[in-house]
Every structure is written in structure tokens, then in C-alpha cells.
N, C-alpha and C. Protein backbone atom coordinates (compact mmCIF):
# COMPACT_ATOMS: atom_id res chain seq x y z
N MET A 1 19.80 -62.75 85.59
CA MET A 1 20.17 -61.73 86.55
C MET A 1 19.14 -60.61 86.52
N ILE A 2 18.92 -60.03 87.66
CA ILE A 2 17.95 -58.96 87.79
C ILE A 2 18.68 -57.62 87.61
N PRO A 3 18.19 -56.75 86.75
CA PRO A 3 18.82 -55.44 86.59
C PRO A 3 18.75 -54.65 87.90
N ASP A 4 19.75 -53.85 88.15
CA ASP A 4 19.80 -53.04 89.38
C ASP A 4 18.54 -52.20 89.55
N SER A 5 17.99 -51.69 88.46
CA SER A 5 16.82 -50.82 88.53
C SER A 5 15.56 -51.57 88.97
N ASP A 6 15.53 -52.91 88.83
CA ASP A 6 14.35 -53.70 89.19
C ASP A 6 14.42 -54.28 90.60
N LEU A 7 15.53 -54.07 91.30
CA LEU A 7 15.67 -54.63 92.64
C LEU A 7 14.83 -53.87 93.65
N LYS A 8 14.26 -54.62 94.60
CA LYS A 8 13.54 -54.02 95.71
C LYS A 8 14.51 -53.86 96.87
N LEU A 9 14.17 -53.07 97.85
CA LEU A 9 15.04 -52.83 99.00
C LEU A 9 15.38 -54.15 99.69
N GLY A 10 16.66 -54.43 99.87
CA GLY A 10 17.10 -55.63 100.56
C GLY A 10 17.35 -56.83 99.67
N GLU A 11 17.04 -56.75 98.38
CA GLU A 11 17.29 -57.88 97.48
C GLU A 11 18.75 -57.87 97.00
N PHE A 12 19.29 -59.05 96.79
CA PHE A 12 20.64 -59.20 96.28
C PHE A 12 20.58 -59.53 94.81
N ARG A 13 21.26 -58.79 93.98
CA ARG A 13 21.16 -58.91 92.53
C ARG A 13 21.50 -60.30 92.02
N LEU A 14 22.59 -60.88 92.46
CA LEU A 14 23.03 -62.16 91.91
C LEU A 14 22.52 -63.35 92.72
N LEU A 15 21.80 -63.11 93.82
CA LEU A 15 21.37 -64.21 94.67
C LEU A 15 19.86 -64.41 94.67
N GLU A 16 19.11 -63.58 93.96
CA GLU A 16 17.66 -63.72 93.96
C GLU A 16 17.24 -64.85 93.03
N VAL A 17 16.26 -65.62 93.46
CA VAL A 17 15.74 -66.74 92.68
C VAL A 17 14.22 -66.71 92.68
N ASP A 18 13.61 -67.53 91.82
CA ASP A 18 12.15 -67.60 91.77
C ASP A 18 11.57 -68.27 93.01
N ASN A 19 12.21 -69.33 93.46
CA ASN A 19 11.73 -70.08 94.63
C ASN A 19 12.83 -70.16 95.67
N ARG A 20 12.62 -69.51 96.79
CA ARG A 20 13.62 -69.52 97.86
C ARG A 20 13.56 -70.81 98.65
N VAL A 21 14.70 -71.21 99.20
CA VAL A 21 14.80 -72.43 100.00
C VAL A 21 15.34 -72.05 101.36
N VAL A 22 14.71 -72.57 102.41
CA VAL A 22 15.20 -72.35 103.77
C VAL A 22 16.12 -73.51 104.11
N VAL A 23 17.36 -73.21 104.45
CA VAL A 23 18.36 -74.23 104.74
C VAL A 23 18.57 -74.28 106.25
N PRO A 24 18.48 -75.47 106.87
CA PRO A 24 18.66 -75.57 108.31
C PRO A 24 20.10 -75.28 108.72
N VAL A 25 20.26 -74.75 109.95
CA VAL A 25 21.59 -74.45 110.47
C VAL A 25 22.14 -75.68 111.19
N GLU A 26 23.46 -75.73 111.32
CA GLU A 26 24.17 -76.81 112.00
C GLU A 26 23.78 -78.19 111.47
N THR A 27 23.60 -78.28 110.15
CA THR A 27 23.22 -79.52 109.49
C THR A 27 23.99 -79.64 108.18
N HIS A 28 24.40 -80.85 107.84
CA HIS A 28 25.04 -81.08 106.55
C HIS A 28 23.97 -81.06 105.47
N VAL A 29 24.22 -80.30 104.41
CA VAL A 29 23.27 -80.19 103.32
C VAL A 29 23.97 -80.57 102.02
N ARG A 30 23.37 -81.47 101.27
CA ARG A 30 23.91 -81.87 99.97
C ARG A 30 22.97 -81.36 98.89
N VAL A 31 23.52 -80.68 97.90
CA VAL A 31 22.72 -80.12 96.81
C VAL A 31 23.13 -80.80 95.52
N ILE A 32 22.17 -81.36 94.82
CA ILE A 32 22.42 -81.98 93.52
C ILE A 32 21.81 -81.06 92.46
N VAL A 33 22.64 -80.59 91.54
CA VAL A 33 22.19 -79.66 90.51
C VAL A 33 22.27 -80.36 89.16
N THR A 34 21.17 -80.31 88.43
CA THR A 34 21.15 -80.88 87.09
C THR A 34 20.61 -79.82 86.13
N ALA A 35 20.94 -79.98 84.87
CA ALA A 35 20.45 -79.02 83.88
C ALA A 35 20.41 -79.70 82.51
N ALA A 36 19.56 -79.19 81.67
CA ALA A 36 19.46 -79.69 80.30
C ALA A 36 20.43 -78.95 79.38
N ASP A 37 21.10 -77.93 79.93
CA ASP A 37 22.02 -77.12 79.15
C ASP A 37 23.31 -76.98 79.94
N VAL A 38 24.20 -76.14 79.52
CA VAL A 38 25.50 -75.95 80.15
C VAL A 38 25.36 -75.11 81.41
N LEU A 39 26.02 -75.53 82.49
CA LEU A 39 26.07 -74.75 83.72
C LEU A 39 27.41 -74.03 83.80
N HIS A 40 27.40 -72.78 84.17
CA HIS A 40 28.62 -72.00 84.32
C HIS A 40 28.74 -71.53 85.75
N CYS A 41 29.92 -71.64 86.32
CA CYS A 41 30.15 -71.18 87.70
C CYS A 41 30.82 -69.83 87.68
């Protein structure tokens, strides 16, 4: 998570990632998530 003090104007604290993905509209999208460690929702 990014600390509030490090956010730039318009960034979302819990939604920022290193590599952004553009998702098409009006299309079914399937996301497969894998990890070498525990994932928490």
C-alpha cells in the first residue's frame, strides 16, 4: 500500500499498481491470479 503522503494528485491509495492494465468495455474478462505466497482479500 502507498502511504497517503506519497500519493500524487488523482491516485487511489489501495488501487495503485506497478503496471496498469487497460480493460476493454462491454467485454467479458477473466482474470487468473496466482501467487507463491498467501493471497488475502
